[in-house]
C-alpha atoms as a PDB file:
ATOM      1  CA  MET A   1      25.255   4.160   1.414  1.00  0.00           C
ATOM      2  CA  ILE A   2      21.974   2.355   2.152  1.00  0.00           C
ATOM      3  CA  THR A   3      20.870   1.143   5.572  1.00  0.00           C
ATOM      4  CA  VAL A   4      18.787  -2.036   5.459  1.00  0.00           C
ATOM      5  CA  ILE A   5      16.654  -2.666   8.563  1.00  0.00           C
ATOM      6  CA  THR A   6      15.126  -5.925   9.796  1.00  0.00           C
ATOM      7  CA  SER A   7      13.125  -6.538  12.965  1.00  0.00           C
ATOM      8  CA  CYS A   8      13.018 -10.159  14.136  1.00  0.00           C
ATOM      9  CA  TYR A   9      10.069 -11.580  16.066  1.00  0.00           C
ATOM     10  CA  ASN A  10       9.465 -15.337  16.379  1.00  0.00           C
ATOM     11  CA  SER A  11      11.799 -15.853  13.444  1.00  0.00           C
ATOM     12  CA  ASN A  12      12.102 -19.133  11.550  1.00  0.00           C
ATOM     13  CA  PRO A  13      15.899 -19.660  11.291  1.00  0.00           C
ATOM     14  CA  GLU A  14      15.818 -21.001   7.731  1.00  0.00           C
ATOM     15  CA  HIS A  15      13.520 -18.248   6.499  1.00  0.00           C
ATOM     16  CA  LEU A  16      15.689 -15.652   8.236  1.00  0.00           C
ATOM     17  CA  ARG A  17      18.810 -17.120   6.645  1.00  0.00           C
ATOM     18  CA  GLU A  18      17.228 -16.857   3.190  1.00  0.00           C
ATOM     19  CA  SER A  19      16.158 -13.289   3.896  1.00  0.00           C
ATOM     20  CA  ILE A  20      19.610 -12.197   5.053  1.00  0.00           C
ATOM     21  CA  ASN A  21      21.362 -13.927   2.152  1.00  0.00           C
ATOM     22  CA  SER A  22      19.070 -12.133  -0.305  1.00  0.00           C
ATOM     23  CA  ILE A  23      20.468  -8.833   0.978  1.00  0.00           C
ATOM     24  CA  LEU A  24      24.082  -9.957   1.168  1.00  0.00           C
ATOM     25  CA  GLY A  25      23.793 -11.096  -2.467  1.00  0.00           C
ATOM     26  CA  GLN A  26      22.560  -7.753  -3.828  1.00  0.00           C
ATOM     27  CA  THR A  27      24.114  -6.229  -6.936  1.00  0.00           C
ATOM     28  CA  TYR A  28      24.505  -2.998  -4.922  1.00  0.00           C
ATOM     29  CA  GLN A  29      26.906  -3.714  -2.086  1.00  0.00           C
ATOM     30  CA  ASP A  30      27.433  -0.391  -0.267  1.00  0.00           C
ATOM     31  CA  PHE A  31      25.114  -0.934   2.681  1.00  0.00           C
ATOM     32  CA  GLU A  32      24.925  -1.584   6.399  1.00  0.00           C
ATOM     33  CA  PHE A  33      22.448  -4.154   7.680  1.00  0.00           C
ATOM     34  CA  LEU A  34      20.822  -3.450  11.061  1.00  0.00           C
ATOM     35  CA  ILE A  35      19.003  -6.480  12.489  1.00  0.00           C
ATOM     36  CA  ALA A  36      17.027  -6.073  15.710  1.00  0.00           C
ATOM     37  CA  ASP A  37      16.175  -8.794  18.202  1.00  0.00           C
ATOM     38  CA  ASN A  38      12.558  -7.910  18.910  1.00  0.00           C
ATOM     39  CA  GLY A  39      11.716 -11.218  20.547  1.00  0.00           C
ATOM     40  CA  ALA A  40      13.331 -13.281  17.773  1.00  0.00           C
ATOM     41  CA  GLY A  41      12.840 -16.581  19.587  1.00  0.00           C
ATOM     42  CA  LEU A  42      16.436 -17.681  18.949  1.00  0.00           C
ATOM     43  CA  ASN A  43      19.946 -16.604  19.925  1.00  0.00           C
ATOM     44  CA  LEU A  44      20.030 -13.934  17.240  1.00  0.00           C
ATOM     45  CA  LYS A  45      23.480 -12.572  18.064  1.00  0.00           C
ATOM     46  CA  GLU A  46      25.019 -16.035  17.704  1.00  0.00           C
ATOM     47  CA  PHE A  47      22.959 -16.719  14.579  1.00  0.00           C
ATOM     48  CA  LEU A  48      24.169 -13.534  12.862  1.00  0.00           C
ATOM     49  CA  ALA A  49      27.810 -14.257  13.712  1.00  0.00           C
ATOM     50  CA  GLN A  50      27.635 -17.232  11.329  1.00  0.00           C
ATOM     51  CA  PHE A  51      27.504 -14.869   8.358  1.00  0.00           C
ATOM     52  CA  ASN A  52      30.846 -13.295   9.264  1.00  0.00           C
ATOM     53  CA  ASP A  53      29.925 -10.027   7.517  1.00  0.00           C
ATOM     54  CA  SER A  54      30.929  -6.742   9.135  1.00  0.00           C
ATOM     55  CA  ARG A  55      27.990  -4.944   7.500  1.00  0.00           C
ATOM     56  CA  ILE A  56      25.582  -6.857   9.744  1.00  0.00           C
ATOM     57  CA  LYS A  57      24.944  -5.061  13.038  1.00  0.00           C
ATOM     58  CA  TYR A  58      23.078  -6.787  15.864  1.00  0.00           C
ATOM     59  CA  ILE A  59      20.628  -4.568  17.774  1.00  0.00           C
ATOM     60  CA  ASP A  60      19.156  -5.800  21.072  1.00  0.00           C
ATOM     61  CA  ASN A  61      15.700  -4.382  21.779  1.00  0.00           C
ATOM     62  CA  GLY A  62      15.575  -6.100  25.163  1.00  0.00           C
ATOM     63  CA  GLY A  63      12.437  -7.977  24.123  1.00  0.00           C
ATOM     64  CA  ASN A  64       9.451  -7.260  21.913  1.00  0.00           C
ATOM     65  CA  ILE A  65       8.935  -3.483  21.958  1.00  0.00           C
ATOM     66  CA  GLY A  66       6.424  -3.585  19.099  1.00  0.00           C
ATOM     67  CA  PRO A  67       6.970  -3.132  15.364  1.00  0.00           C
ATOM     68  CA  THR A  68       6.579   0.643  15.221  1.00  0.00           C
ATOM     69  CA  LYS A  69       9.159   1.426  17.891  1.00  0.00           C
ATOM     70  CA  SER A  70      11.534  -1.211  16.575  1.00  0.00           C
ATOM     71  CA  TYR A  71      11.469   0.164  13.019  1.00  0.00           C
ATOM     72  CA  ASP A  72      11.732   3.774  14.182  1.00  0.00           C
ATOM     73  CA  ASN A  73      14.670   2.927  16.453  1.00  0.00           C
ATOM     74  CA  LEU A  74      16.488   1.194  13.606  1.00  0.00           C
ATOM     75  CA  ALA A  75      15.885   4.164  11.304  1.00  0.00           C
ATOM     76  CA  GLU A  76      17.324   6.489  13.959  1.00  0.00           C
ATOM     77  CA  LEU A  77      20.495   4.379  14.096  1.00  0.00           C
ATOM     78  CA  ALA A  78      20.848   4.343  10.315  1.00  0.00           C
ATOM     79  CA  LYS A  79      24.002   5.886   8.847  1.00  0.00           C
ATOM     80  CA  GLY A  80      22.865   5.548   5.242  1.00  0.00           C
ATOM     81  CA  LYS A  81      21.342   8.213   3.031  1.00  0.00           C
ATOM     82  CA  TYR A  82      18.526   5.771   2.278  1.00  0.00           C
ATOM     83  CA  VAL A  83      16.720   3.294   4.556  1.00  0.00           C
ATOM     84  CA  ALA A  84      15.251   0.064   3.154  1.00  0.00           C
ATOM     85  CA  LEU A  85      12.994  -2.395   4.975  1.00  0.00           C
ATOM     86  CA  GLN A  86      13.693  -6.123   4.743  1.00  0.00           C
ATOM     87  CA  ASP A  87      11.171  -8.343   6.511  1.00  0.00           C
ATOM     88  CA  HIS A  88      12.686 -11.314   8.354  1.00  0.00           C
ATOM     89  CA  ASP A  89      11.109 -13.966   6.131  1.00  0.00           C
ATOM     90  CA  ASP A  90      10.916 -12.283   2.732  1.00  0.00           C
ATOM     91  CA  ILE A  91      13.438 -12.509  -0.104  1.00  0.00           C
ATOM     92  CA  SER A  92      14.634  -9.428  -1.989  1.00  0.00           C
ATOM     93  CA  LEU A  93      15.447  -9.941  -5.650  1.00  0.00           C
ATOM     94  CA  PRO A  94      19.157  -9.415  -6.410  1.00  0.00           C
ATOM     95  CA  ASP A  95      18.811  -5.940  -7.958  1.00  0.00           C
ATOM     96  CA  ARG A  96      16.253  -4.541  -5.518  1.00  0.00           C
ATOM     97  CA  LEU A  97      18.557  -2.101  -3.693  1.00  0.00           C
ATOM     98  CA  GLU A  98      20.196  -0.951  -6.924  1.00  0.00           C
ATOM     99  CA  VAL A  99      16.878  -0.301  -8.669  1.00  0.00           C
ATOM    100  CA  GLU A 100      15.280   1.537  -5.742  1.00  0.00           C
ATOM    101  CA  LYS A 101      18.380   3.647  -5.087  1.00  0.00           C
ATOM    102  CA  GLN A 102      18.572   4.602  -8.753  1.00  0.00           C
ATOM    103  CA  ALA A 103      14.936   5.744  -8.678  1.00  0.00           C
ATOM    104  CA  LEU A 104      15.611   8.007  -5.678  1.00  0.00           C
ATOM    105  CA  ASP A 105      18.856   9.292  -7.221  1.00  0.00           C
ATOM    106  CA  ASN A 106      17.080  10.114 -10.491  1.00  0.00           C
ATOM    107  CA  GLU A 107      14.151  11.955  -8.879  1.00  0.00           C
ATOM    108  CA  PRO A 108      15.364  14.223  -6.050  1.00  0.00           C
ATOM    109  CA  LYS A 109      11.780  15.219  -5.209  1.00  0.00           C
ATOM    110  CA  LEU A 110      10.857  11.637  -4.339  1.00  0.00           C
ATOM    111  CA  MET A 111      11.058  10.875  -0.623  1.00  0.00           C
ATOM    112  CA  SER A 112      10.408   7.144  -0.914  1.00  0.00           C
ATOM    113  CA  VAL A 113       9.874   4.329  -3.396  1.00  0.00           C
ATOM    114  CA  SER A 114       8.483   0.807  -3.325  1.00  0.00           C
ATOM    115  CA  GLY A 115       7.847  -1.954  -5.830  1.00  0.00           C
ATOM    116  CA  LYS A 116       5.680  -4.906  -6.733  1.00  0.00           C
ATOM    117  CA  ILE A 117       5.915  -8.316  -5.073  1.00  0.00           C
ATOM    118  CA  HIS A 118       5.701 -11.988  -5.958  1.00  0.00           C
ATOM    119  CA  ILE A 119       3.748 -13.874  -3.290  1.00  0.00           C
ATOM    120  CA  PHE A 120       4.950 -17.421  -2.644  1.00  0.00           C
ATOM    121  CA  GLY A 121       4.353 -20.170  -0.108  1.00  0.00           C
ATOM    122  CA  LYS A 122       0.658 -20.793   0.530  1.00  0.00           C
ATOM    123  CA  TYR A 123      -0.053 -19.806  -3.073  1.00  0.00           C
ATOM    124  CA  GLU A 124       1.808 -17.945  -5.818  1.00  0.00           C
ATOM    125  CA  LYS A 125       0.926 -14.781  -7.657  1.00  0.00           C
ATOM    126  CA  ASP A 126       2.333 -11.387  -8.598  1.00  0.00           C
ATOM    127  CA  ASP A 127       0.852  -8.439  -6.749  1.00  0.00           C
ATOM    128  CA  GLY A 128       1.038  -4.658  -7.040  1.00  0.00           C
ATOM    129  CA  GLU A 129       0.954  -2.005  -9.707  1.00  0.00           C
ATOM    130  CA  GLY A 130       3.386   0.694 -10.773  1.00  0.00           C
ATOM    131  CA  MET A 131       2.109   4.180  -9.932  1.00  0.00           C
ATOM    132  CA  SER A 132       3.283   7.763 -10.326  1.00  0.00           C
ATOM    133  CA  PRO A 133       3.551   9.953  -7.203  1.00  0.00           C
ATOM    134  CA  GLU A 134       0.401  11.806  -8.281  1.00  0.00           C
ATOM    135  CA  ARG A 135      -1.602   8.616  -8.551  1.00  0.00           C
ATOM    136  CA  VAL A 136      -0.248   7.216  -5.270  1.00  0.00           C
ATOM    137  CA  LYS A 137      -1.447  10.376  -3.523  1.00  0.00           C
ATOM    138  CA  GLU A 138      -4.921   9.943  -5.008  1.00  0.00           C
ATOM    139  CA  GLU A 139      -5.193   6.213  -4.314  1.00  0.00           C
ATOM    140  CA  LEU A 140      -4.176   6.609  -0.664  1.00  0.00           C
ATOM    141  CA  ILE A 141      -7.432   8.429  -0.029  1.00  0.00           C
ATOM    142  CA  PHE A 142      -9.278   5.142  -0.588  1.00  0.00           C
ATOM    143  CA  TRP A 143      -6.814   2.294   0.041  1.00  0.00           C
ATOM    144  CA  GLN A 144      -3.160   1.424   0.618  1.00  0.00           C
ATOM    145  CA  PRO A 145      -1.402   0.441  -2.648  1.00  0.00           C
ATOM    146  CA  ILE A 146       2.151   0.547  -1.216  1.00  0.00           C
ATOM    147  CA  LYS A 147       3.720  -2.834  -0.478  1.00  0.00           C
ATOM    148  CA  GLN A 148       5.206  -2.074   2.946  1.00  0.00           C
ATOM    149  CA  PRO A 149       7.971  -4.746   2.836  1.00  0.00           C
ATOM    150  CA  THR A 150       9.476  -3.196  -0.322  1.00  0.00           C
ATOM    151  CA  PHE A 151       9.945   0.439   0.670  1.00  0.00           C
ATOM    152  CA  MET A 152      13.112   2.503   0.557  1.00  0.00           C
ATOM    153  CA  LYS A 153      12.974   5.964   2.163  1.00  0.00           C
ATOM    154  CA  ARG A 154      15.323   8.882   2.402  1.00  0.00           C
ATOM    155  CA  LYS A 155      16.816   9.117   5.892  1.00  0.00           C
ATOM    156  CA  SER A 156      15.434  12.656   6.157  1.00  0.00           C
ATOM    157  CA  PHE A 157      11.922  11.266   5.587  1.00  0.00           C
ATOM    158  CA  CYS A 158      12.403   8.708   8.379  1.00  0.00           C
ATOM    159  CA  LYS A 159      13.539  11.415  10.785  1.00  0.00           C
ATOM    160  CA  LYS A 160      10.560  13.658  10.071  1.00  0.00           C
ATOM    161  CA  TYR A 161       7.779  11.050  10.053  1.00  0.00           C
ATOM    162  CA  LYS A 162       7.432   8.236  12.608  1.00  0.00           C
ATOM    163  CA  TYR A 163       4.997   5.355  12.878  1.00  0.00           C
ATOM    164  CA  ASN A 164       2.053   5.704  15.254  1.00  0.00           C
ATOM    165  CA  PRO A 165       2.002   2.785  17.735  1.00  0.00           C
ATOM    166  CA  GLU A 166      -1.669   3.390  18.545  1.00  0.00           C
ATOM    167  CA  PHE A 167      -2.689   1.867  15.194  1.00  0.00           C
ATOM    168  CA  MET A 168      -2.528  -1.901  14.643  1.00  0.00           C
ATOM    169  CA  ILE A 169      -2.523  -1.359  10.855  1.00  0.00           C
ATOM    170  CA  TYR A 170       0.302   1.118  11.323  1.00  0.00           C
ATOM    171  CA  ASP A 171       1.561   1.068   7.726  1.00  0.00           C
ATOM    172  CA  TYR A 172      -1.805   2.140   6.326  1.00  0.00           C
ATOM    173  CA  GLU A 173      -2.049   4.963   8.867  1.00  0.00           C
ATOM    174  CA  PHE A 174       1.522   6.065   8.115  1.00  0.00           C
ATOM    175  CA  TRP A 175       1.169   6.174   4.336  1.00  0.00           C
ATOM    176  CA  SER A 176      -2.241   7.845   4.573  1.00  0.00           C
ATOM    177  CA  ARG A 177      -0.783  10.528   6.852  1.00  0.00           C
ATOM    178  CA  THR A 178       2.149  11.111   4.496  1.00  0.00           C
ATOM    179  CA  ARG A 179       0.265  10.692   1.213  1.00  0.00           C
ATOM    180  CA  LYS A 180       1.219  14.182  -0.008  1.00  0.00           C
ATOM    181  CA  VAL A 181       4.913  13.344   0.332  1.00  0.00           C
ATOM    182  CA  PRO A 182       6.082  12.157  -3.127  1.00  0.00           C
ATOM    183  CA  HIS A 183       6.265   8.363  -3.375  1.00  0.00           C
ATOM    184  CA  ARG A 184       6.674   6.282  -6.527  1.00  0.00           C
ATOM    185  CA  ILE A 185       5.681   2.627  -6.904  1.00  0.00           C
ATOM    186  CA  LEU A 186       8.068   1.056  -9.394  1.00  0.00           C
ATOM    187  CA  ASP A 187       6.574  -1.088 -12.134  1.00  0.00           C
ATOM    188  CA  LYS A 188       8.881  -3.953 -11.188  1.00  0.00           C
ATOM    189  CA  ILE A 189       8.799  -6.944  -8.862  1.00  0.00           C
ATOM    190  CA  VAL A 190      11.534  -6.357  -6.282  1.00  0.00           C
ATOM    191  CA  LEU A 191      10.690  -8.872  -3.560  1.00  0.00           C
ATOM    192  CA  LYS A 192       9.329 -12.371  -2.933  1.00  0.00           C
ATOM    193  CA  TYR A 193       6.763 -12.140  -0.131  1.00  0.00           C
ATOM    194  CA  ARG A 194       6.375 -15.303   1.920  1.00  0.00           C
ATOM    195  CA  LYS A 195       2.726 -16.226   2.479  1.00  0.00           C
ATOM    196  CA  SER A 196       1.708 -19.157   4.634  1.00  0.00           C
ATOM    197  CA  ALA A 197      -1.333 -20.199   6.617  1.00  0.00           C
ATOM    198  CA  GLY A 198      -1.787 -17.914   9.595  1.00  0.00           C
ATOM    199  CA  ASN A 199       0.728 -15.222   8.704  1.00  0.00           C
ATOM    200  CA  SER A 200      -1.567 -12.693   7.046  1.00  0.00           C
ATOM    201  CA  THR A 201      -0.809 -10.215   9.824  1.00  0.00           C
ATOM    202  CA  LYS A 202       2.913 -10.927  10.064  1.00  0.00           C
ATOM    203  CA  GLU A 203       3.822  -7.292   9.483  1.00  0.00           C
ATOM    204  CA  ARG A 204       1.845  -6.278  12.575  1.00  0.00           C
ATOM    205  CA  ALA A 205       3.515  -8.824  14.844  1.00  0.00           C
ATOM    206  CA  HIS A 206       7.121  -7.673  14.961  1.00  0.00           C
END
């Protein structure tokens, strides 16, 4: 089973609905979906009840506790063998979970995988590059090639390595710190990343 985690902060209801539906419509259906109210800006519990899907689990953070603690808390609650991030306004392609799970199943030494993205909204373009674990380790010395919203990690990886809340660009610090842990970037677009004016730091905000 896969655990999908989403942290909601100042969420646009229509964008959130699209994001949730993109997970519920996956070709791989054996998952639980943990969605945290991290200052969502709407009645999230009532909103989620509309989907009438027992795989969706509402998590109340009691307010905005920051992105790092929210993600780490959700990973701790995960029952799945794998943990996948789904941002609250992005759209996963229908086979994302299946493709990422298969990659982890096929390579037991891999601790995490990610993929390429298609940026949409403010402008449209494909972004990212497939990389072997060896190349990812080398590239992380100089920059961060991993598209954070597309990752899937083994639960054991989540338990061993946590985010550091002292860093605003927490994903770069995390992947740099864990660069020797095998990670593959799939040569496939797995997610549509919503880009609009003023949201360039959206990953830092929730």
